[in-house]
Amino acid sequence: MITINDSDFEQEVLKADQPVLVYFWASWCGPCRLMSPIMEQIDSEYGDRLKVAKMEVDPNPNTVQAYQIEGIPALKLVKNSEVVASWEGAMPKQQVADWLASNL
């Protein structure tokens, strides 16, 4: 899983040659602490089909505003520079896997 910010979002996400799952989080967010290990597992299991990127919301207001992130944790699945699926809130790993399977 890579860590991204406002300045490299375009290069790492919008210009990626594979789908990118962007995980928006914050250090003060309790549900984010539950989701972080799940996202690490998703990264290791889906790494051949998907890039997983995490972005901390507080230091990256431009992307947060542009992608209308209103609650965290939030997931955005981006393919060919378009958001094809979004999720807000924590979910168990199997639910993340099912969500990815229906959107990849």
PDB file of N, CA and C in Angstrom:
ATOM      1  N   MET A   1       0.862  -1.174   0.000  1.00  0.00           N
ATOM      2  CA  MET A   1       0.000   0.000   0.000  1.00  0.00           C
ATOM      3  C   MET A   1       0.900   1.226   0.000  1.00  0.00           C
ATOM      4  N   ILE A   2       0.565   2.146  -0.879  1.00  0.00           N
ATOM      5  CA  ILE A   2       1.359   3.369  -0.943  1.00  0.00           C
ATOM      6  C   ILE A   2       0.611   4.500  -0.234  1.00  0.00           C
ATOM      7  N   THR A   3       1.362   5.457   0.259  1.00  0.00           N
ATOM      8  CA  THR A   3       0.785   6.651   0.873  1.00  0.00           C
ATOM      9  C   THR A   3       0.875   7.777  -0.143  1.00  0.00           C
ATOM     10  N   ILE A   4      -0.259   8.448  -0.372  1.00  0.00           N
ATOM     11  CA  ILE A   4      -0.289   9.519  -1.365  1.00  0.00           C
ATOM     12  C   ILE A   4      -0.751  10.819  -0.725  1.00  0.00           C
ATOM     13  N   ASN A   5      -0.550  11.919  -1.460  1.00  0.00           N
ATOM     14  CA  ASN A   5      -1.006  13.225  -0.995  1.00  0.00           C
ATOM     15  C   ASN A   5      -1.568  14.012  -2.179  1.00  0.00           C
ATOM     16  N   ASP A   6      -2.004  15.230  -1.903  1.00  0.00           N
ATOM     17  CA  ASP A   6      -2.601  16.052  -2.960  1.00  0.00           C
ATOM     18  C   ASP A   6      -1.694  16.162  -4.182  1.00  0.00           C
ATOM     19  N   SER A   7      -0.394  16.351  -3.952  1.00  0.00           N
ATOM     20  CA  SER A   7       0.505  16.625  -5.076  1.00  0.00           C
ATOM     21  C   SER A   7       0.758  15.409  -5.967  1.00  0.00           C
ATOM     22  N   ASP A   8       0.659  14.201  -5.444  1.00  0.00           N
ATOM     23  CA  ASP A   8       0.917  13.040  -6.307  1.00  0.00           C
ATOM     24  C   ASP A   8      -0.348  12.236  -6.637  1.00  0.00           C
ATOM     25  N   PHE A   9      -1.523  12.735  -6.246  1.00  0.00           N
ATOM     26  CA  PHE A   9      -2.780  12.030  -6.508  1.00  0.00           C
ATOM     27  C   PHE A   9      -2.978  11.791  -8.009  1.00  0.00           C
ATOM     28  N   GLU A  10      -2.766  12.815  -8.810  1.00  0.00           N
ATOM     29  CA  GLU A  10      -2.983  12.664 -10.248  1.00  0.00           C
ATOM     30  C   GLU A  10      -2.098  11.576 -10.837  1.00  0.00           C
ATOM     31  N   GLN A  11      -0.816  11.611 -10.503  1.00  0.00           N
ATOM     32  CA  GLN A  11       0.124  10.637 -11.060  1.00  0.00           C
ATOM     33  C   GLN A  11      -0.159   9.224 -10.554  1.00  0.00           C
ATOM     34  N   GLU A  12      -0.359   9.072  -9.249  1.00  0.00           N
ATOM     35  CA  GLU A  12      -0.503   7.743  -8.645  1.00  0.00           C
ATOM     36  C   GLU A  12      -1.883   7.121  -8.858  1.00  0.00           C
ATOM     37  N   VAL A  13      -2.921   7.960  -8.994  1.00  0.00           N
ATOM     38  CA  VAL A  13      -4.286   7.441  -9.070  1.00  0.00           C
ATOM     39  C   VAL A  13      -4.882   7.635 -10.464  1.00  0.00           C
ATOM     40  N   LEU A  14      -4.951   8.872 -10.910  1.00  0.00           N
ATOM     41  CA  LEU A  14      -5.643   9.159 -12.168  1.00  0.00           C
ATOM     42  C   LEU A  14      -4.888   8.639 -13.394  1.00  0.00           C
ATOM     43  N   LYS A  15      -3.564   8.603 -13.319  1.00  0.00           N
ATOM     44  CA  LYS A  15      -2.770   8.133 -14.458  1.00  0.00           C
ATOM     45  C   LYS A  15      -2.290   6.692 -14.288  1.00  0.00           C
ATOM     46  N   ALA A  16      -2.801   5.997 -13.296  1.00  0.00           N
ATOM     47  CA  ALA A  16      -2.380   4.611 -13.050  1.00  0.00           C
ATOM     48  C   ALA A  16      -2.852   3.705 -14.188  1.00  0.00           C
ATOM     49  N   ASP A  17      -2.063   2.675 -14.468  1.00  0.00           N
ATOM     50  CA  ASP A  17      -2.418   1.748 -15.534  1.00  0.00           C
ATOM     51  C   ASP A  17      -3.247   0.564 -15.039  1.00  0.00           C
ATOM     52  N   GLN A  18      -3.672   0.623 -13.800  1.00  0.00           N
ATOM     53  CA  GLN A  18      -4.554  -0.405 -13.237  1.00  0.00           C
ATOM     54  C   GLN A  18      -5.532   0.285 -12.291  1.00  0.00           C
ATOM     55  N   PRO A  19      -6.612  -0.399 -11.896  1.00  0.00           N
ATOM     56  CA  PRO A  19      -7.533   0.223 -10.940  1.00  0.00           C
ATOM     57  C   PRO A  19      -6.807   0.574  -9.633  1.00  0.00           C
ATOM     58  N   VAL A  20      -7.269   1.650  -8.997  1.00  0.00           N
ATOM     59  CA  VAL A  20      -6.679   2.094  -7.729  1.00  0.00           C
ATOM     60  C   VAL A  20      -7.784   2.203  -6.683  1.00  0.00           C
ATOM     61  N   LEU A  21      -7.558   1.573  -5.546  1.00  0.00           N
ATOM     62  CA  LEU A  21      -8.452   1.707  -4.405  1.00  0.00           C
ATOM     63  C   LEU A  21      -7.837   2.746  -3.479  1.00  0.00           C
ATOM     64  N   VAL A  22      -8.510   3.884  -3.335  1.00  0.00           N
ATOM     65  CA  VAL A  22      -8.002   4.952  -2.478  1.00  0.00           C
ATOM     66  C   VAL A  22      -8.738   4.871  -1.141  1.00  0.00           C
ATOM     67  N   TYR A  23      -7.948   4.769  -0.083  1.00  0.00           N
ATOM     68  CA  TYR A  23      -8.459   4.656   1.284  1.00  0.00           C
ATOM     69  C   TYR A  23      -8.200   5.988   1.977  1.00  0.00           C
ATOM     70  N   PHE A  24      -9.271   6.719   2.283  1.00  0.00           N
ATOM     71  CA  PHE A  24      -9.173   8.000   2.982  1.00  0.00           C
ATOM     72  C   PHE A  24      -9.335   7.740   4.475  1.00  0.00           C
ATOM     73  N   TRP A  25      -8.424   8.293   5.288  1.00  0.00           N
ATOM     74  CA  TRP A  25      -8.406   7.997   6.713  1.00  0.00           C
ATOM     75  C   TRP A  25      -7.856   9.178   7.498  1.00  0.00           C
ATOM     76  N   ALA A  26      -7.902   9.052   8.830  1.00  0.00           N
ATOM     77  CA  ALA A  26      -7.279  10.036   9.726  1.00  0.00           C
ATOM     78  C   ALA A  26      -6.797   9.309  10.977  1.00  0.00           C
ATOM     79  N   SER A  27      -5.730   9.822  11.562  1.00  0.00           N
ATOM     80  CA  SER A  27      -5.147   9.175  12.743  1.00  0.00           C
ATOM     81  C   SER A  27      -6.075   9.230  13.955  1.00  0.00           C
ATOM     82  N   TRP A  28      -6.949  10.236  14.024  1.00  0.00           N
ATOM     83  CA  TRP A  28      -7.853  10.393  15.162  1.00  0.00           C
ATOM     84  C   TRP A  28      -9.158   9.608  15.000  1.00  0.00           C
ATOM     85  N   CYS A  29      -9.315   8.906  13.889  1.00  0.00           N
ATOM     86  CA  CYS A  29     -10.572   8.218  13.542  1.00  0.00           C
ATOM     87  C   CYS A  29     -10.557   6.776  14.042  1.00  0.00           C
ATOM     88  N   GLY A  30     -11.429   6.467  14.995  1.00  0.00           N
ATOM     89  CA  GLY A  30     -11.512   5.112  15.546  1.00  0.00           C
ATOM     90  C   GLY A  30     -11.822   4.047  14.502  1.00  0.00           C
ATOM     91  N   PRO A  31     -12.876   4.224  13.682  1.00  0.00           N
ATOM     92  CA  PRO A  31     -13.163   3.221  12.655  1.00  0.00           C
ATOM     93  C   PRO A  31     -12.017   3.044  11.655  1.00  0.00           C
ATOM     94  N   CYS A  32     -11.244   4.110  11.433  1.00  0.00           N
ATOM     95  CA  CYS A  32     -10.086   3.989  10.535  1.00  0.00           C
ATOM     96  C   CYS A  32      -9.052   3.030  11.121  1.00  0.00           C
ATOM     97  N   ARG A  33      -8.901   3.043  12.436  1.00  0.00           N
ATOM     98  CA  ARG A  33      -7.950   2.130  13.069  1.00  0.00           C
ATOM     99  C   ARG A  33      -8.389   0.681  12.879  1.00  0.00           C
ATOM    100  N   LEU A  34      -9.694   0.450  12.767  1.00  0.00           N
ATOM    101  CA  LEU A  34     -10.191  -0.899  12.486  1.00  0.00           C
ATOM    102  C   LEU A  34      -9.968  -1.271  11.019  1.00  0.00           C
ATOM    103  N   MET A  35     -10.087  -0.297  10.139  1.00  0.00           N
ATOM    104  CA  MET A  35      -9.982  -0.557   8.698  1.00  0.00           C
ATOM    105  C   MET A  35      -8.541  -0.694   8.208  1.00  0.00           C
ATOM    106  N   SER A  36      -7.592  -0.036   8.858  1.00  0.00           N
ATOM    107  CA  SER A  36      -6.210  -0.032   8.354  1.00  0.00           C
ATOM    108  C   SER A  36      -5.628  -1.431   8.172  1.00  0.00           C
ATOM    109  N   PRO A  37      -5.762  -2.340   9.161  1.00  0.00           N
ATOM    110  CA  PRO A  37      -5.215  -3.691   8.941  1.00  0.00           C
ATOM    111  C   PRO A  37      -5.942  -4.429   7.805  1.00  0.00           C
ATOM    112  N   ILE A  38      -7.226  -4.174   7.650  1.00  0.00           N
ATOM    113  CA  ILE A  38      -7.985  -4.790   6.559  1.00  0.00           C
ATOM    114  C   ILE A  38      -7.452  -4.303   5.221  1.00  0.00           C
ATOM    115  N   MET A  39      -7.159  -3.002   5.136  1.00  0.00           N
ATOM    116  CA  MET A  39      -6.637  -2.461   3.884  1.00  0.00           C
ATOM    117  C   MET A  39      -5.261  -3.039   3.560  1.00  0.00           C
ATOM    118  N   GLU A  40      -4.455  -3.287   4.586  1.00  0.00           N
ATOM    119  CA  GLU A  40      -3.149  -3.934   4.365  1.00  0.00           C
ATOM    120  C   GLU A  40      -3.352  -5.338   3.787  1.00  0.00           C
ATOM    121  N   GLN A  41      -4.334  -6.070   4.310  1.00  0.00           N
ATOM    122  CA  GLN A  41      -4.619  -7.419   3.799  1.00  0.00           C
ATOM    123  C   GLN A  41      -5.127  -7.360   2.360  1.00  0.00           C
ATOM    124  N   ILE A  42      -6.009  -6.400   2.077  1.00  0.00           N
ATOM    125  CA  ILE A  42      -6.524  -6.238   0.716  1.00  0.00           C
ATOM    126  C   ILE A  42      -5.371  -5.944  -0.241  1.00  0.00           C
ATOM    127  N   ASP A  43      -4.453  -5.091   0.190  1.00  0.00           N
ATOM    128  CA  ASP A  43      -3.288  -4.761  -0.636  1.00  0.00           C
ATOM    129  C   ASP A  43      -2.486  -6.019  -0.959  1.00  0.00           C
ATOM    130  N   SER A  44      -2.237  -6.862   0.039  1.00  0.00           N
ATOM    131  CA  SER A  44      -1.419  -8.051  -0.214  1.00  0.00           C
ATOM    132  C   SER A  44      -2.172  -9.084  -1.051  1.00  0.00           C
ATOM    133  N   GLU A  45      -3.491  -9.170  -0.915  1.00  0.00           N
ATOM    134  CA  GLU A  45      -4.257 -10.174  -1.652  1.00  0.00           C
ATOM    135  C   GLU A  45      -4.638  -9.733  -3.068  1.00  0.00           C
ATOM    136  N   TYR A  46      -4.795  -8.437  -3.286  1.00  0.00           N
ATOM    137  CA  TYR A  46      -5.244  -7.944  -4.579  1.00  0.00           C
ATOM    138  C   TYR A  46      -4.148  -7.203  -5.346  1.00  0.00           C
ATOM    139  N   GLY A  47      -2.932  -7.238  -4.834  1.00  0.00           N
ATOM    140  CA  GLY A  47      -1.847  -6.460  -5.414  1.00  0.00           C
ATOM    141  C   GLY A  47      -1.582  -6.701  -6.884  1.00  0.00           C
ATOM    142  N   ASP A  48      -1.952  -7.874  -7.395  1.00  0.00           N
ATOM    143  CA  ASP A  48      -1.732  -8.173  -8.808  1.00  0.00           C
ATOM    144  C   ASP A  48      -2.802  -7.547  -9.707  1.00  0.00           C
ATOM    145  N   ARG A  49      -3.948  -7.157  -9.133  1.00  0.00           N
ATOM    146  CA  ARG A  49      -5.059  -6.623  -9.927  1.00  0.00           C
ATOM    147  C   ARG A  49      -5.396  -5.180  -9.609  1.00  0.00           C
ATOM    148  N   LEU A  50      -4.783  -4.656  -8.560  1.00  0.00           N
ATOM    149  CA  LEU A  50      -5.259  -3.410  -7.983  1.00  0.00           C
ATOM    150  C   LEU A  50      -4.126  -2.723  -7.232  1.00  0.00           C
ATOM    151  N   LYS A  51      -4.063  -1.416  -7.335  1.00  0.00           N
ATOM    152  CA  LYS A  51      -3.139  -0.639  -6.506  1.00  0.00           C
ATOM    153  C   LYS A  51      -3.947  -0.094  -5.333  1.00  0.00           C
ATOM    154  N   VAL A  52      -3.416  -0.212  -4.132  1.00  0.00           N
ATOM    155  CA  VAL A  52      -4.086   0.339  -2.952  1.00  0.00           C
ATOM    156  C   VAL A  52      -3.266   1.532  -2.469  1.00  0.00           C
ATOM    157  N   ALA A  53      -3.963   2.658  -2.315  1.00  0.00           N
ATOM    158  CA  ALA A  53      -3.306   3.890  -1.887  1.00  0.00           C
ATOM    159  C   ALA A  53      -4.067   4.455  -0.696  1.00  0.00           C
ATOM    160  N   LYS A  54      -3.329   4.945   0.299  1.00  0.00           N
ATOM    161  CA  LYS A  54      -4.013   5.574   1.421  1.00  0.00           C
ATOM    162  C   LYS A  54      -3.672   7.052   1.471  1.00  0.00           C
ATOM    163  N   MET A  55      -4.681   7.837   1.843  1.00  0.00           N
ATOM    164  CA  MET A  55      -4.507   9.273   1.916  1.00  0.00           C
ATOM    165  C   MET A  55      -5.102   9.778   3.219  1.00  0.00           C
ATOM    166  N   GLU A  56      -4.265  10.438   4.010  1.00  0.00           N
ATOM    167  CA  GLU A  56      -4.742  11.049   5.245  1.00  0.00           C
ATOM    168  C   GLU A  56      -5.506  12.317   4.881  1.00  0.00           C
ATOM    169  N   VAL A  57      -6.713  12.467   5.427  1.00  0.00           N
ATOM    170  CA  VAL A  57      -7.583  13.553   4.975  1.00  0.00           C
ATOM    171  C   VAL A  57      -7.124  14.941   5.422  1.00  0.00           C
ATOM    172  N   ASP A  58      -6.675  15.098   6.655  1.00  0.00           N
ATOM    173  CA  ASP A  58      -6.372  16.435   7.172  1.00  0.00           C
ATOM    174  C   ASP A  58      -5.301  17.187   6.396  1.00  0.00           C
ATOM    175  N   PRO A  59      -4.158  16.573   6.033  1.00  0.00           N
ATOM    176  CA  PRO A  59      -3.149  17.327   5.285  1.00  0.00           C
ATOM    177  C   PRO A  59      -3.404  17.425   3.779  1.00  0.00           C
ATOM    178  N   ASN A  60      -4.531  16.876   3.306  1.00  0.00           N
ATOM    179  CA  ASN A  60      -4.789  16.838   1.863  1.00  0.00           C
ATOM    180  C   ASN A  60      -6.178  17.372   1.509  1.00  0.00           C
ATOM    181  N   PRO A  61      -6.441  18.628   1.836  1.00  0.00           N
ATOM    182  CA  PRO A  61      -7.798  19.167   1.657  1.00  0.00           C
ATOM    183  C   PRO A  61      -8.238  19.268   0.204  1.00  0.00           C
ATOM    184  N   ASN A  62      -7.319  19.425  -0.732  1.00  0.00           N
ATOM    185  CA  ASN A  62      -7.715  19.595  -2.130  1.00  0.00           C
ATOM    186  C   ASN A  62      -8.397  18.342  -2.680  1.00  0.00           C
ATOM    187  N   THR A  63      -7.767  17.192  -2.465  1.00  0.00           N
ATOM    188  CA  THR A  63      -8.342  15.943  -2.955  1.00  0.00           C
ATOM    189  C   THR A  63      -9.609  15.602  -2.185  1.00  0.00           C
ATOM    190  N   VAL A  64      -9.588  15.818  -0.873  1.00  0.00           N
ATOM    191  CA  VAL A  64     -10.769  15.545  -0.049  1.00  0.00           C
ATOM    192  C   VAL A  64     -11.967  16.350  -0.553  1.00  0.00           C
ATOM    193  N   GLN A  65     -11.745  17.607  -0.865  1.00  0.00           N
ATOM    194  CA  GLN A  65     -12.824  18.449  -1.368  1.00  0.00           C
ATOM    195  C   GLN A  65     -13.240  18.017  -2.779  1.00  0.00           C
ATOM    196  N   ALA A  66     -12.276  17.767  -3.644  1.00  0.00           N
ATOM    197  CA  ALA A  66     -12.576  17.404  -5.031  1.00  0.00           C
ATOM    198  C   ALA A  66     -13.382  16.115  -5.126  1.00  0.00           C
ATOM    199  N   TYR A  67     -13.120  15.178  -4.217  1.00  0.00           N
ATOM    200  CA  TYR A  67     -13.806  13.890  -4.260  1.00  0.00           C
ATOM    201  C   TYR A  67     -14.914  13.783  -3.210  1.00  0.00           C
ATOM    202  N   GLN A  68     -15.268  14.925  -2.630  1.00  0.00           N
ATOM    203  CA  GLN A  68     -16.409  15.042  -1.718  1.00  0.00           C
ATOM    204  C   GLN A  68     -16.385  13.990  -0.602  1.00  0.00           C
ATOM    205  N   ILE A  69     -15.240  13.898   0.064  1.00  0.00           N
ATOM    206  CA  ILE A  69     -15.113  12.988   1.192  1.00  0.00           C
ATOM    207  C   ILE A  69     -15.738  13.678   2.406  1.00  0.00           C
ATOM    208  N   GLU A  70     -16.861  13.171   2.865  1.00  0.00           N
ATOM    209  CA  GLU A  70     -17.573  13.796   3.984  1.00  0.00           C
ATOM    210  C   GLU A  70     -17.455  13.001   5.267  1.00  0.00           C
ATOM    211  N   GLY A  71     -17.179  11.728   5.170  1.00  0.00           N
ATOM    212  CA  GLY A  71     -17.003  10.876   6.349  1.00  0.00           C
ATOM    213  C   GLY A  71     -15.873   9.905   6.093  1.00  0.00           C
ATOM    214  N   ILE A  72     -15.224   9.484   7.146  1.00  0.00           N
ATOM    215  CA  ILE A  72     -14.125   8.536   7.013  1.00  0.00           C
ATOM    216  C   ILE A  72     -14.342   7.386   7.999  1.00  0.00           C
ATOM    217  N   PRO A  73     -13.793   6.228   7.710  1.00  0.00           N
ATOM    218  CA  PRO A  73     -13.009   5.892   6.526  1.00  0.00           C
ATOM    219  C   PRO A  73     -13.876   5.920   5.273  1.00  0.00           C
ATOM    220  N   ALA A  74     -13.234   6.209   4.159  1.00  0.00           N
ATOM    221  CA  ALA A  74     -13.928   6.227   2.877  1.00  0.00           C
ATOM    222  C   ALA A  74     -13.051   5.526   1.844  1.00  0.00           C
ATOM    223  N   LEU A  75     -13.709   4.840   0.926  1.00  0.00           N
ATOM    224  CA  LEU A  75     -13.020   4.158  -0.159  1.00  0.00           C
ATOM    225  C   LEU A  75     -13.531   4.695  -1.485  1.00  0.00           C
ATOM    226  N   LYS A  76     -12.616   4.903  -2.415  1.00  0.00           N
ATOM    227  CA  LYS A  76     -12.965   5.274  -3.780  1.00  0.00           C
ATOM    228  C   LYS A  76     -12.207   4.318  -4.691  1.00  0.00           C
ATOM    229  N   LEU A  77     -12.928   3.655  -5.571  1.00  0.00           N
ATOM    230  CA  LEU A  77     -12.299   2.790  -6.563  1.00  0.00           C
ATOM    231  C   LEU A  77     -12.243   3.565  -7.871  1.00  0.00           C
ATOM    232  N   VAL A  78     -11.021   3.786  -8.356  1.00  0.00           N
ATOM    233  CA  VAL A  78     -10.800   4.607  -9.541  1.00  0.00           C
ATOM    234  C   VAL A  78     -10.261   3.725 -10.667  1.00  0.00           C
ATOM    235  N   LYS A  79     -10.954   3.769 -11.815  1.00  0.00           N
ATOM    236  CA  LYS A  79     -10.498   3.059 -13.012  1.00  0.00           C
ATOM    237  C   LYS A  79     -10.481   4.054 -14.157  1.00  0.00           C
ATOM    238  N   ASN A  80      -9.378   4.100 -14.893  1.00  0.00           N
ATOM    239  CA  ASN A  80      -9.256   5.004 -16.040  1.00  0.00           C
ATOM    240  C   ASN A  80      -9.626   6.441 -15.658  1.00  0.00           C
ATOM    241  N   SER A  81      -9.124   6.889 -14.537  1.00  0.00           N
ATOM    242  CA  SER A  81      -9.317   8.222 -13.943  1.00  0.00           C
ATOM    243  C   SER A  81     -10.767   8.567 -13.603  1.00  0.00           C
ATOM    244  N   GLU A  82     -11.628   7.576 -13.529  1.00  0.00           N
ATOM    245  CA  GLU A  82     -13.018   7.790 -13.122  1.00  0.00           C
ATOM    246  C   GLU A  82     -13.308   7.006 -11.843  1.00  0.00           C
ATOM    247  N   VAL A  83     -14.038   7.634 -10.920  1.00  0.00           N
ATOM    248  CA  VAL A  83     -14.483   6.916  -9.728  1.00  0.00           C
ATOM    249  C   VAL A  83     -15.635   6.008 -10.152  1.00  0.00           C
ATOM    250  N   VAL A  84     -15.439   4.706 -10.004  1.00  0.00           N
ATOM    251  CA  VAL A  84     -16.462   3.744 -10.419  1.00  0.00           C
ATOM    252  C   VAL A  84     -17.260   3.203  -9.235  1.00  0.00           C
ATOM    253  N   ALA A  85     -16.736   3.378  -8.018  1.00  0.00           N
ATOM    254  CA  ALA A  85     -17.452   2.926  -6.825  1.00  0.00           C
ATOM    255  C   ALA A  85     -16.936   3.691  -5.618  1.00  0.00           C
ATOM    256  N   SER A  86     -17.843   3.932  -4.669  1.00  0.00           N
ATOM    257  CA  SER A  86     -17.491   4.643  -3.435  1.00  0.00           C
ATOM    258  C   SER A  86     -18.116   3.934  -2.250  1.00  0.00           C
ATOM    259  N   TRP A  87     -17.448   4.047  -1.118  1.00  0.00           N
ATOM    260  CA  TRP A  87     -17.976   3.496   0.132  1.00  0.00           C
ATOM    261  C   TRP A  87     -17.542   4.414   1.257  1.00  0.00           C
ATOM    262  N   GLU A  88     -18.428   4.619   2.209  1.00  0.00           N
ATOM    263  CA  GLU A  88     -18.108   5.423   3.382  1.00  0.00           C
ATOM    264  C   GLU A  88     -18.443   4.612   4.623  1.00  0.00           C
ATOM    265  N   GLY A  89     -17.501   4.556   5.558  1.00  0.00           N
ATOM    266  CA  GLY A  89     -17.709   3.823   6.802  1.00  0.00           C
ATOM    267  C   GLY A  89     -16.887   2.550   6.843  1.00  0.00           C
ATOM    268  N   ALA A  90     -16.711   2.042   8.055  1.00  0.00           N
ATOM    269  CA  ALA A  90     -15.940   0.816   8.246  1.00  0.00           C
ATOM    270  C   ALA A  90     -16.767  -0.388   7.801  1.00  0.00           C
ATOM    271  N   MET A  91     -16.077  -1.422   7.344  1.00  0.00           N
ATOM    272  CA  MET A  91     -16.736  -2.674   7.001  1.00  0.00           C
ATOM    273  C   MET A  91     -15.756  -3.818   7.197  1.00  0.00           C
ATOM    274  N   PRO A  92     -16.287  -5.018   7.466  1.00  0.00           N
ATOM    275  CA  PRO A  92     -15.389  -6.166   7.648  1.00  0.00           C
ATOM    276  C   PRO A  92     -14.711  -6.546   6.338  1.00  0.00           C
ATOM    277  N   LYS A  93     -13.630  -7.307   6.463  1.00  0.00           N
ATOM    278  CA  LYS A  93     -12.822  -7.654   5.290  1.00  0.00           C
ATOM    279  C   LYS A  93     -13.638  -8.355   4.214  1.00  0.00           C
ATOM    280  N   GLN A  94     -14.492  -9.276   4.583  1.00  0.00           N
ATOM    281  CA  GLN A  94     -15.267  -9.997   3.577  1.00  0.00           C
ATOM    282  C   GLN A  94     -16.173  -9.043   2.795  1.00  0.00           C
ATOM    283  N   GLN A  95     -16.703  -8.051   3.482  1.00  0.00           N
ATOM    284  CA  GLN A  95     -17.553  -7.077   2.799  1.00  0.00           C
ATOM    285  C   GLN A  95     -16.728  -6.229   1.820  1.00  0.00           C
ATOM    286  N   VAL A  96     -15.511  -5.877   2.213  1.00  0.00           N
ATOM    287  CA  VAL A  96     -14.617  -5.151   1.297  1.00  0.00           C
ATOM    288  C   VAL A  96     -14.342  -6.017   0.069  1.00  0.00           C
ATOM    289  N   ALA A  97     -14.039  -7.299   0.293  1.00  0.00           N
ATOM    290  CA  ALA A  97     -13.755  -8.216  -0.809  1.00  0.00           C
ATOM    291  C   ALA A  97     -14.959  -8.342  -1.742  1.00  0.00           C
ATOM    292  N   ASP A  98     -16.162  -8.457  -1.171  1.00  0.00           N
ATOM    293  CA  ASP A  98     -17.382  -8.565  -1.986  1.00  0.00           C
ATOM    294  C   ASP A  98     -17.617  -7.283  -2.779  1.00  0.00           C
ATOM    295  N   TRP A  99     -17.393  -6.137  -2.129  1.00  0.00           N
ATOM    296  CA  TRP A  99     -17.558  -4.840  -2.783  1.00  0.00           C
ATOM    297  C   TRP A  99     -16.581  -4.713  -3.948  1.00  0.00           C
ATOM    298  N   LEU A 100     -15.335  -5.123  -3.723  1.00  0.00           N
ATOM    299  CA  LEU A 100     -14.345  -5.081  -4.801  1.00  0.00           C
ATOM    300  C   LEU A 100     -14.722  -6.019  -5.937  1.00  0.00           C
ATOM    301  N   ALA A 101     -15.158  -7.223  -5.599  1.00  0.00           N
ATOM    302  CA  ALA A 101     -15.511  -8.216  -6.622  1.00  0.00           C
ATOM    303  C   ALA A 101     -16.638  -7.700  -7.522  1.00  0.00           C
ATOM    304  N   SER A 102     -17.575  -6.977  -6.952  1.00  0.00           N
ATOM    305  CA  SER A 102     -18.700  -6.490  -7.761  1.00  0.00           C
ATOM    306  C   SER A 102     -18.334  -5.241  -8.556  1.00  0.00           C
ATOM    307  N   ASN A 103     -17.188  -4.634  -8.274  1.00  0.00           N
ATOM    308  CA  ASN A 103     -16.832  -3.378  -8.941  1.00  0.00           C
ATOM    309  C   ASN A 103     -15.558  -3.426  -9.772  1.00  0.00           C
ATOM    310  N   LEU A 104     -14.784  -4.498  -9.647  1.00  0.00           N
ATOM    311  CA  LEU A 104     -13.515  -4.566 -10.405  1.00  0.00           C
ATOM    312  C   LEU A 104     -13.737  -5.000 -11.843  1.00  0.00           C
TER     313      LEU A 104
END
